[in-house]
Amino acid sequence: MNMNTYVIFRRSGWSSRSELEKAAGRSAQVAQHEMPEQVRWIRSYVTEEVGGRVGTVCVYQATDVGAIAEHARRAGLPCDLVVPVADTVVINEDPAVPA
């Protein structure tokens, strides 16, 4: 099935990293077992939000925006903004996160 690439903003979605980790588990479960032909999670960047909350900027592939929204609904994730990716330009690989 043909998939497009999307960036998903999930602003201030979680109160802690442990809450985010549980949400990530649900997300992976839904993507891998319930919707493997519609969505594919590529990567996420965790953001520090106002008031100590945690958010993410995620890169997914999906058949369409509706599949992204359905995945978020099933996994109980916020889905503040979905933007289609027009092109990818890689200057440097993602840096390793310090331990």
PDB file of N, CA and C in Angstrom:
ATOM      1  N   MET A   1       0.842  -1.181   0.000  1.00  0.00           N
ATOM      2  CA  MET A   1       0.000   0.000   0.000  1.00  0.00           C
ATOM      3  C   MET A   1       0.890   1.249   0.000  1.00  0.00           C
ATOM      4  N   ASN A   2       0.499   2.253  -0.724  1.00  0.00           N
ATOM      5  CA  ASN A   2       1.259   3.493  -0.825  1.00  0.00           C
ATOM      6  C   ASN A   2       1.106   4.338   0.444  1.00  0.00           C
ATOM      7  N   MET A   3       2.235   4.757   1.010  1.00  0.00           N
ATOM      8  CA  MET A   3       2.203   5.591   2.212  1.00  0.00           C
ATOM      9  C   MET A   3       2.914   6.908   1.951  1.00  0.00           C
ATOM     10  N   ASN A   4       2.391   7.961   2.573  1.00  0.00           N
ATOM     11  CA  ASN A   4       3.001   9.282   2.563  1.00  0.00           C
ATOM     12  C   ASN A   4       3.632   9.543   3.929  1.00  0.00           C
ATOM     13  N   THR A   5       4.529  10.510   4.004  1.00  0.00           N
ATOM     14  CA  THR A   5       5.190  10.850   5.261  1.00  0.00           C
ATOM     15  C   THR A   5       4.545  12.098   5.862  1.00  0.00           C
ATOM     16  N   TYR A   6       4.365  12.065   7.188  1.00  0.00           N
ATOM     17  CA  TYR A   6       3.722  13.164   7.919  1.00  0.00           C
ATOM     18  C   TYR A   6       4.516  13.496   9.174  1.00  0.00           C
ATOM     19  N   VAL A   7       4.461  14.768   9.566  1.00  0.00           N
ATOM     20  CA  VAL A   7       4.979  15.213  10.861  1.00  0.00           C
ATOM     21  C   VAL A   7       3.766  15.498  11.739  1.00  0.00           C
ATOM     22  N   ILE A   8       3.790  14.978  12.960  1.00  0.00           N
ATOM     23  CA  ILE A   8       2.668  15.141  13.891  1.00  0.00           C
ATOM     24  C   ILE A   8       3.170  15.858  15.141  1.00  0.00           C
ATOM     25  N   PHE A   9       2.502  16.943  15.487  1.00  0.00           N
ATOM     26  CA  PHE A   9       2.827  17.692  16.693  1.00  0.00           C
ATOM     27  C   PHE A   9       1.875  17.269  17.807  1.00  0.00           C
ATOM     28  N   ARG A  10       2.443  16.869  18.937  1.00  0.00           N
ATOM     29  CA  ARG A  10       1.671  16.487  20.119  1.00  0.00           C
ATOM     30  C   ARG A  10       2.191  17.360  21.268  1.00  0.00           C
ATOM     31  N   ARG A  11       1.633  18.550  21.400  1.00  0.00           N
ATOM     32  CA  ARG A  11       2.130  19.547  22.350  1.00  0.00           C
ATOM     33  C   ARG A  11       1.613  19.281  23.755  1.00  0.00           C
ATOM     34  N   SER A  12       2.506  19.272  24.727  1.00  0.00           N
ATOM     35  CA  SER A  12       2.156  19.147  26.147  1.00  0.00           C
ATOM     36  C   SER A  12       1.208  17.986  26.411  1.00  0.00           C
ATOM     37  N   GLY A  13       1.409  16.884  25.730  1.00  0.00           N
ATOM     38  CA  GLY A  13       0.495  15.751  25.823  1.00  0.00           C
ATOM     39  C   GLY A  13       0.578  14.945  27.104  1.00  0.00           C
ATOM     40  N   TRP A  14       1.714  15.041  27.810  1.00  0.00           N
ATOM     41  CA  TRP A  14       1.915  14.170  28.964  1.00  0.00           C
ATOM     42  C   TRP A  14       2.534  14.940  30.121  1.00  0.00           C
ATOM     43  N   SER A  15       2.220  14.506  31.319  1.00  0.00           N
ATOM     44  CA  SER A  15       2.724  15.190  32.516  1.00  0.00           C
ATOM     45  C   SER A  15       4.124  14.721  32.910  1.00  0.00           C
ATOM     46  N   SER A  16       4.564  13.576  32.371  1.00  0.00           N
ATOM     47  CA  SER A  16       5.888  13.055  32.730  1.00  0.00           C
ATOM     48  C   SER A  16       6.401  12.138  31.623  1.00  0.00           C
ATOM     49  N   ARG A  17       7.669  11.839  31.693  1.00  0.00           N
ATOM     50  CA  ARG A  17       8.253  10.915  30.713  1.00  0.00           C
ATOM     51  C   ARG A  17       7.712   9.503  30.901  1.00  0.00           C
ATOM     52  N   SER A  18       7.417   9.103  32.132  1.00  0.00           N
ATOM     53  CA  SER A  18       6.863   7.762  32.335  1.00  0.00           C
ATOM     54  C   SER A  18       5.468   7.658  31.718  1.00  0.00           C
ATOM     55  N   GLU A  19       4.692   8.724  31.795  1.00  0.00           N
ATOM     56  CA  GLU A  19       3.382   8.751  31.137  1.00  0.00           C
ATOM     57  C   GLU A  19       3.561   8.671  29.623  1.00  0.00           C
ATOM     58  N   LEU A  20       4.551   9.364  29.095  1.00  0.00           N
ATOM     59  CA  LEU A  20       4.852   9.313  27.667  1.00  0.00           C
ATOM     60  C   LEU A  20       5.279   7.900  27.255  1.00  0.00           C
ATOM     61  N   GLU A  21       6.092   7.239  28.066  1.00  0.00           N
ATOM     62  CA  GLU A  21       6.538   5.882  27.750  1.00  0.00           C
ATOM     63  C   GLU A  21       5.356   4.921  27.640  1.00  0.00           C
ATOM     64  N   LYS A  22       4.377   5.059  28.515  1.00  0.00           N
ATOM     65  CA  LYS A  22       3.172   4.216  28.439  1.00  0.00           C
ATOM     66  C   LYS A  22       2.409   4.504  27.152  1.00  0.00           C
ATOM     67  N   ALA A  23       2.296   5.777  26.802  1.00  0.00           N
ATOM     68  CA  ALA A  23       1.610   6.166  25.565  1.00  0.00           C
ATOM     69  C   ALA A  23       2.358   5.620  24.345  1.00  0.00           C
ATOM     70  N   ALA A  24       3.682   5.643  24.389  1.00  0.00           N
ATOM     71  CA  ALA A  24       4.483   5.117  23.282  1.00  0.00           C
ATOM     72  C   ALA A  24       4.229   3.620  23.107  1.00  0.00           C
ATOM     73  N   GLY A  25       4.078   2.914  24.198  1.00  0.00           N
ATOM     74  CA  GLY A  25       3.763   1.488  24.124  1.00  0.00           C
ATOM     75  C   GLY A  25       2.425   1.241  23.443  1.00  0.00           C
ATOM     76  N   ARG A  26       1.423   2.039  23.812  1.00  0.00           N
ATOM     77  CA  ARG A  26       0.101   1.915  23.173  1.00  0.00           C
ATOM     78  C   ARG A  26       0.203   2.253  21.682  1.00  0.00           C
ATOM     79  N   SER A  27       0.957   3.297  21.371  1.00  0.00           N
ATOM     80  CA  SER A  27       1.129   3.721  19.985  1.00  0.00           C
ATOM     81  C   SER A  27       1.745   2.605  19.143  1.00  0.00           C
ATOM     82  N   ALA A  28       2.810   2.017  19.650  1.00  0.00           N
ATOM     83  CA  ALA A  28       3.478   0.931  18.929  1.00  0.00           C
ATOM     84  C   ALA A  28       2.545  -0.263  18.753  1.00  0.00           C
ATOM     85  N   GLN A  29       1.802  -0.591  19.787  1.00  0.00           N
ATOM     86  CA  GLN A  29       0.856  -1.714  19.736  1.00  0.00           C
ATOM     87  C   GLN A  29      -0.173  -1.502  18.620  1.00  0.00           C
ATOM     88  N   VAL A  30      -0.771  -0.329  18.598  1.00  0.00           N
ATOM     89  CA  VAL A  30      -1.793  -0.030  17.584  1.00  0.00           C
ATOM     90  C   VAL A  30      -1.177  -0.052  16.188  1.00  0.00           C
ATOM     91  N   ALA A  31      -0.023   0.586  16.022  1.00  0.00           N
ATOM     92  CA  ALA A  31       0.610   0.653  14.703  1.00  0.00           C
ATOM     93  C   ALA A  31       1.010  -0.733  14.197  1.00  0.00           C
ATOM     94  N   GLN A  32       1.574  -1.540  15.065  1.00  0.00           N
ATOM     95  CA  GLN A  32       2.105  -2.833  14.638  1.00  0.00           C
ATOM     96  C   GLN A  32       1.044  -3.924  14.525  1.00  0.00           C
ATOM     97  N   HIS A  33       0.026  -3.873  15.393  1.00  0.00           N
ATOM     98  CA  HIS A  33      -0.916  -4.998  15.449  1.00  0.00           C
ATOM     99  C   HIS A  33      -2.319  -4.688  14.949  1.00  0.00           C
ATOM    100  N   GLU A  34      -2.731  -3.435  15.014  1.00  0.00           N
ATOM    101  CA  GLU A  34      -4.083  -3.098  14.585  1.00  0.00           C
ATOM    102  C   GLU A  34      -4.129  -2.403  13.222  1.00  0.00           C
ATOM    103  N   MET A  35      -3.074  -1.646  12.901  1.00  0.00           N
ATOM    104  CA  MET A  35      -3.098  -0.841  11.671  1.00  0.00           C
ATOM    105  C   MET A  35      -1.786  -0.946  10.870  1.00  0.00           C
ATOM    106  N   PRO A  36      -1.184  -2.125  10.761  1.00  0.00           N
ATOM    107  CA  PRO A  36       0.127  -2.213  10.101  1.00  0.00           C
ATOM    108  C   PRO A  36       0.119  -1.824   8.626  1.00  0.00           C
ATOM    109  N   GLU A  37      -1.015  -1.906   7.970  1.00  0.00           N
ATOM    110  CA  GLU A  37      -1.093  -1.542   6.564  1.00  0.00           C
ATOM    111  C   GLU A  37      -1.432  -0.067   6.356  1.00  0.00           C
ATOM    112  N   GLN A  38      -1.793   0.641   7.455  1.00  0.00           N
ATOM    113  CA  GLN A  38      -2.198   2.040   7.337  1.00  0.00           C
ATOM    114  C   GLN A  38      -1.202   3.029   7.912  1.00  0.00           C
ATOM    115  N   VAL A  39      -0.487   2.659   8.999  1.00  0.00           N
ATOM    116  CA  VAL A  39       0.453   3.595   9.632  1.00  0.00           C
ATOM    117  C   VAL A  39       1.762   2.896   9.992  1.00  0.00           C
ATOM    118  N   ARG A  40       2.821   3.684   9.966  1.00  0.00           N
ATOM    119  CA  ARG A  40       4.150   3.203  10.361  1.00  0.00           C
ATOM    120  C   ARG A  40       4.859   4.324  11.102  1.00  0.00           C
ATOM    121  N   TRP A  41       5.213   4.051  12.361  1.00  0.00           N
ATOM    122  CA  TRP A  41       5.906   5.036  13.200  1.00  0.00           C
ATOM    123  C   TRP A  41       7.384   5.008  12.828  1.00  0.00           C
ATOM    124  N   ILE A  42       7.915   6.150  12.430  1.00  0.00           N
ATOM    125  CA  ILE A  42       9.319   6.241  12.021  1.00  0.00           C
ATOM    126  C   ILE A  42      10.211   6.688  13.178  1.00  0.00           C
ATOM    127  N   ARG A  43       9.896   7.856  13.778  1.00  0.00           N
ATOM    128  CA  ARG A  43      10.677   8.359  14.922  1.00  0.00           C
ATOM    129  C   ARG A  43       9.906   9.467  15.606  1.00  0.00           C
ATOM    130  N   SER A  44      10.336   9.759  16.829  1.00  0.00           N
ATOM    131  CA  SER A  44       9.752  10.875  17.585  1.00  0.00           C
ATOM    132  C   SER A  44      10.856  11.634  18.291  1.00  0.00           C
ATOM    133  N   TYR A  45      10.637  12.933  18.419  1.00  0.00           N
ATOM    134  CA  TYR A  45      11.513  13.801  19.196  1.00  0.00           C
ATOM    135  C   TYR A  45      10.698  14.265  20.395  1.00  0.00           C
ATOM    136  N   VAL A  46      11.221  14.055  21.584  1.00  0.00           N
ATOM    137  CA  VAL A  46      10.535  14.458  22.815  1.00  0.00           C
ATOM    138  C   VAL A  46      10.882  15.911  23.100  1.00  0.00           C
ATOM    139  N   THR A  47       9.860  16.705  23.400  1.00  0.00           N
ATOM    140  CA  THR A  47      10.054  18.127  23.669  1.00  0.00           C
ATOM    141  C   THR A  47       9.716  18.460  25.117  1.00  0.00           C
ATOM    142  N   GLU A  48      10.465  19.402  25.672  1.00  0.00           N
ATOM    143  CA  GLU A  48      10.171  19.912  27.011  1.00  0.00           C
ATOM    144  C   GLU A  48       9.207  21.076  26.838  1.00  0.00           C
ATOM    145  N   GLU A  49       8.046  20.964  27.461  1.00  0.00           N
ATOM    146  CA  GLU A  49       6.999  21.958  27.297  1.00  0.00           C
ATOM    147  C   GLU A  49       6.864  22.818  28.553  1.00  0.00           C
ATOM    148  N   VAL A  50       6.065  23.851  28.449  1.00  0.00           N
ATOM    149  CA  VAL A  50       5.826  24.768  29.557  1.00  0.00           C
ATOM    150  C   VAL A  50       5.262  24.006  30.759  1.00  0.00           C
ATOM    151  N   GLY A  51       5.713  24.378  31.951  1.00  0.00           N
ATOM    152  CA  GLY A  51       5.191  23.776  33.175  1.00  0.00           C
ATOM    153  C   GLY A  51       5.684  22.371  33.434  1.00  0.00           C
ATOM    154  N   GLY A  52       6.761  21.954  32.749  1.00  0.00           N
ATOM    155  CA  GLY A  52       7.324  20.630  32.992  1.00  0.00           C
ATOM    156  C   GLY A  52       6.641  19.503  32.231  1.00  0.00           C
ATOM    157  N   ARG A  53       5.679  19.835  31.390  1.00  0.00           N
ATOM    158  CA  ARG A  53       4.996  18.806  30.607  1.00  0.00           C
ATOM    159  C   ARG A  53       5.909  18.328  29.474  1.00  0.00           C
ATOM    160  N   VAL A  54       5.531  17.246  28.848  1.00  0.00           N
ATOM    161  CA  VAL A  54       6.301  16.632  27.776  1.00  0.00           C
ATOM    162  C   VAL A  54       5.440  16.569  26.522  1.00  0.00           C
ATOM    163  N   GLY A  55       6.041  16.862  25.392  1.00  0.00           N
ATOM    164  CA  GLY A  55       5.362  16.742  24.111  1.00  0.00           C
ATOM    165  C   GLY A  55       6.228  15.961  23.151  1.00  0.00           C
ATOM    166  N   THR A  56       5.736  15.778  21.929  1.00  0.00           N
ATOM    167  CA  THR A  56       6.532  15.117  20.912  1.00  0.00           C
ATOM    168  C   THR A  56       6.275  15.740  19.545  1.00  0.00           C
ATOM    169  N   VAL A  57       7.276  15.600  18.704  1.00  0.00           N
ATOM    170  CA  VAL A  57       7.152  15.854  17.279  1.00  0.00           C
ATOM    171  C   VAL A  57       7.489  14.510  16.645  1.00  0.00           C
ATOM    172  N   CYS A  58       6.519  13.925  15.950  1.00  0.00           N
ATOM    173  CA  CYS A  58       6.667  12.568  15.437  1.00  0.00           C
ATOM    174  C   CYS A  58       6.688  12.545  13.918  1.00  0.00           C
ATOM    175  N   VAL A  59       7.419  11.586  13.384  1.00  0.00           N
ATOM    176  CA  VAL A  59       7.423  11.336  11.951  1.00  0.00           C
ATOM    177  C   VAL A  59       6.779   9.970  11.744  1.00  0.00           C
ATOM    178  N   TYR A  60       5.735   9.963  10.947  1.00  0.00           N
ATOM    179  CA  TYR A  60       5.005   8.737  10.624  1.00  0.00           C
ATOM    180  C   TYR A  60       4.858   8.633   9.122  1.00  0.00           C
ATOM    181  N   GLN A  61       4.650   7.419   8.656  1.00  0.00           N
ATOM    182  CA  GLN A  61       4.162   7.197   7.311  1.00  0.00           C
ATOM    183  C   GLN A  61       2.755   6.642   7.456  1.00  0.00           C
ATOM    184  N   ALA A  62       1.875   7.059   6.554  1.00  0.00           N
ATOM    185  CA  ALA A  62       0.490   6.609   6.618  1.00  0.00           C
ATOM    186  C   ALA A  62      -0.151   6.695   5.247  1.00  0.00           C
ATOM    187  N   THR A  63      -1.247   5.974   5.106  1.00  0.00           N
ATOM    188  CA  THR A  63      -1.971   6.001   3.844  1.00  0.00           C
ATOM    189  C   THR A  63      -2.610   7.359   3.609  1.00  0.00           C
ATOM    190  N   ASP A  64      -3.025   8.039   4.703  1.00  0.00           N
ATOM    191  CA  ASP A  64      -3.619   9.373   4.599  1.00  0.00           C
ATOM    192  C   ASP A  64      -3.749   9.978   5.989  1.00  0.00           C
ATOM    193  N   VAL A  65      -4.177  11.223   6.066  1.00  0.00           N
ATOM    194  CA  VAL A  65      -4.319  11.925   7.345  1.00  0.00           C
ATOM    195  C   VAL A  65      -5.357  11.232   8.231  1.00  0.00           C
ATOM    196  N   GLY A  66      -6.381  10.671   7.617  1.00  0.00           N
ATOM    197  CA  GLY A  66      -7.398   9.958   8.391  1.00  0.00           C
ATOM    198  C   GLY A  66      -6.826   8.783   9.155  1.00  0.00           C
ATOM    199  N   ALA A  67      -5.867   8.080   8.575  1.00  0.00           N
ATOM    200  CA  ALA A  67      -5.225   6.962   9.272  1.00  0.00           C
ATOM    201  C   ALA A  67      -4.415   7.453  10.466  1.00  0.00           C
ATOM    202  N   ILE A  68      -3.767   8.613  10.310  1.00  0.00           N
ATOM    203  CA  ILE A  68      -3.029   9.211  11.435  1.00  0.00           C
ATOM    204  C   ILE A  68      -3.996   9.529  12.575  1.00  0.00           C
ATOM    205  N   ALA A  69      -5.110  10.156  12.251  1.00  0.00           N
ATOM    206  CA  ALA A  69      -6.106  10.519  13.264  1.00  0.00           C
ATOM    207  C   ALA A  69      -6.689   9.274  13.931  1.00  0.00           C
ATOM    208  N   GLU A  70      -6.960   8.234  13.161  1.00  0.00           N
ATOM    209  CA  GLU A  70      -7.517   6.993  13.726  1.00  0.00           C
ATOM    210  C   GLU A  70      -6.504   6.306  14.636  1.00  0.00           C
ATOM    211  N   HIS A  71      -5.252   6.293  14.236  1.00  0.00           N
ATOM    212  CA  HIS A  71      -4.199   5.729  15.087  1.00  0.00           C
ATOM    213  C   HIS A  71      -4.139   6.471  16.426  1.00  0.00           C
ATOM    214  N   ALA A  72      -4.156   7.810  16.370  1.00  0.00           N
ATOM    215  CA  ALA A  72      -4.112   8.610  17.598  1.00  0.00           C
ATOM    216  C   ALA A  72      -5.326   8.317  18.475  1.00  0.00           C
ATOM    217  N   ARG A  73      -6.497   8.206  17.875  1.00  0.00           N
ATOM    218  CA  ARG A  73      -7.711   7.915  18.638  1.00  0.00           C
ATOM    219  C   ARG A  73      -7.603   6.560  19.338  1.00  0.00           C
ATOM    220  N   ARG A  74      -7.214   5.536  18.591  1.00  0.00           N
ATOM    221  CA  ARG A  74      -7.108   4.188  19.167  1.00  0.00           C
ATOM    222  C   ARG A  74      -6.071   4.107  20.280  1.00  0.00           C
ATOM    223  N   ALA A  75      -4.955   4.835  20.109  1.00  0.00           N
ATOM    224  CA  ALA A  75      -3.863   4.788  21.092  1.00  0.00           C
ATOM    225  C   ALA A  75      -4.061   5.787  22.230  1.00  0.00           C
ATOM    226  N   GLY A  76      -5.082   6.655  22.136  1.00  0.00           N
ATOM    227  CA  GLY A  76      -5.312   7.651  23.172  1.00  0.00           C
ATOM    228  C   GLY A  76      -4.254   8.736  23.191  1.00  0.00           C
ATOM    229  N   LEU A  77      -3.816   9.162  22.006  1.00  0.00           N
ATOM    230  CA  LEU A  77      -2.764  10.167  21.882  1.00  0.00           C
ATOM    231  C   LEU A  77      -3.339  11.502  21.421  1.00  0.00           C
ATOM    232  N   PRO A  78      -2.744  12.611  21.863  1.00  0.00           N
ATOM    233  CA  PRO A  78      -3.136  13.896  21.284  1.00  0.00           C
ATOM    234  C   PRO A  78      -2.632  13.955  19.844  1.00  0.00           C
ATOM    235  N   CYS A  79      -3.272  14.760  19.046  1.00  0.00           N
ATOM    236  CA  CYS A  79      -2.872  14.919  17.650  1.00  0.00           C
ATOM    237  C   CYS A  79      -3.190  16.359  17.273  1.00  0.00           C
ATOM    238  N   ASP A  80      -2.340  17.283  17.733  1.00  0.00           N
ATOM    239  CA  ASP A  80      -2.615  18.711  17.597  1.00  0.00           C
ATOM    240  C   ASP A  80      -2.531  19.214  16.162  1.00  0.00           C
ATOM    241  N   LEU A  81      -1.564  18.710  15.411  1.00  0.00           N
ATOM    242  CA  LEU A  81      -1.369  19.186  14.050  1.00  0.00           C
ATOM    243  C   LEU A  81      -0.678  18.097  13.251  1.00  0.00           C
ATOM    244  N   VAL A  82      -1.180  17.836  12.042  1.00  0.00           N
ATOM    245  CA  VAL A  82      -0.564  16.867  11.128  1.00  0.00           C
ATOM    246  C   VAL A  82      -0.198  17.615   9.855  1.00  0.00           C
ATOM    247  N   VAL A  83       1.082  17.519   9.466  1.00  0.00           N
ATOM    248  CA  VAL A  83       1.574  18.239   8.298  1.00  0.00           C
ATOM    249  C   VAL A  83       2.211  17.225   7.334  1.00  0.00           C
ATOM    250  N   PRO A  84       1.760  17.197   6.075  1.00  0.00           N
ATOM    251  CA  PRO A  84       2.405  16.315   5.098  1.00  0.00           C
ATOM    252  C   PRO A  84       3.832  16.783   4.806  1.00  0.00           C
ATOM    253  N   VAL A  85       4.737  15.845   4.630  1.00  0.00           N
ATOM    254  CA  VAL A  85       6.121  16.152   4.289  1.00  0.00           C
ATOM    255  C   VAL A  85       6.234  16.190   2.769  1.00  0.00           C
ATOM    256  N   ALA A  86       6.746  17.287   2.246  1.00  0.00           N
ATOM    257  CA  ALA A  86       6.895  17.449   0.798  1.00  0.00           C
ATOM    258  C   ALA A  86       8.203  16.850   0.289  1.00  0.00           C
ATOM    259  N   ASP A  87       9.251  16.885   1.137  1.00  0.00           N
ATOM    260  CA  ASP A  87      10.566  16.414   0.716  1.00  0.00           C
ATOM    261  C   ASP A  87      11.416  16.237   1.963  1.00  0.00           C
ATOM    262  N   THR A  88      12.504  15.506   1.838  1.00  0.00           N
ATOM    263  CA  THR A  88      13.438  15.315   2.949  1.00  0.00           C
ATOM    264  C   THR A  88      14.822  15.769   2.512  1.00  0.00           C
ATOM    265  N   VAL A  89      15.451  16.601   3.339  1.00  0.00           N
ATOM    266  CA  VAL A  89      16.813  17.048   3.102  1.00  0.00           C
ATOM    267  C   VAL A  89      17.603  16.688   4.356  1.00  0.00           C
ATOM    268  N   VAL A  90      18.573  15.801   4.230  1.00  0.00           N
ATOM    269  CA  VAL A  90      19.388  15.389   5.374  1.00  0.00           C
ATOM    270  C   VAL A  90      20.775  15.991   5.192  1.00  0.00           C
ATOM    271  N   ILE A  91      21.138  16.873   6.097  1.00  0.00           N
ATOM    272  CA  ILE A  91      22.467  17.479   6.086  1.00  0.00           C
ATOM    273  C   ILE A  91      23.396  16.679   6.990  1.00  0.00           C
ATOM    274  N   ASN A  92      22.917  16.372   8.181  1.00  0.00           N
ATOM    275  CA  ASN A  92      23.634  15.534   9.138  1.00  0.00           C
ATOM    276  C   ASN A  92      22.651  14.528   9.707  1.00  0.00           C
ATOM    277  N   GLU A  93      23.148  13.369  10.088  1.00  0.00           N
ATOM    278  CA  GLU A  93      22.301  12.388  10.738  1.00  0.00           C
ATOM    279  C   GLU A  93      21.860  12.927  12.102  1.00  0.00           C
ATOM    280  N   ASP A  94      20.764  12.380  12.626  1.00  0.00           N
ATOM    281  CA  ASP A  94      20.308  12.790  13.959  1.00  0.00           C
ATOM    282  C   ASP A  94      21.432  12.552  14.968  1.00  0.00           C
ATOM    283  N   PRO A  95      21.677  13.523  15.851  1.00  0.00           N
ATOM    284  CA  PRO A  95      22.727  13.349  16.855  1.00  0.00           C
ATOM    285  C   PRO A  95      22.303  12.346  17.921  1.00  0.00           C
ATOM    286  N   ALA A  96      23.288  11.691  18.501  1.00  0.00           N
ATOM    287  CA  ALA A  96      23.020  10.790  19.617  1.00  0.00           C
ATOM    288  C   ALA A  96      22.641  11.614  20.830  1.00  0.00           C
ATOM    289  N   VAL A  97      21.715  11.111  21.603  1.00  0.00           N
ATOM    290  CA  VAL A  97      21.287  11.790  22.820  1.00  0.00           C
ATOM    291  C   VAL A  97      22.251  11.428  23.938  1.00  0.00           C
ATOM    292  N   PRO A  98      22.794  12.421  24.653  1.00  0.00           N
ATOM    293  CA  PRO A  98      23.725  12.112  25.750  1.00  0.00           C
ATOM    294  C   PRO A  98      23.033  11.286  26.827  1.00  0.00           C
ATOM    295  N   ALA A  99      23.773  10.365  27.394  1.00  0.00           N
ATOM    296  CA  ALA A  99      23.215   9.485  28.441  1.00  0.00           C
ATOM    297  C   ALA A  99      23.055  10.205  29.744  1.00  0.00           C
TER     298      ALA A  99
END
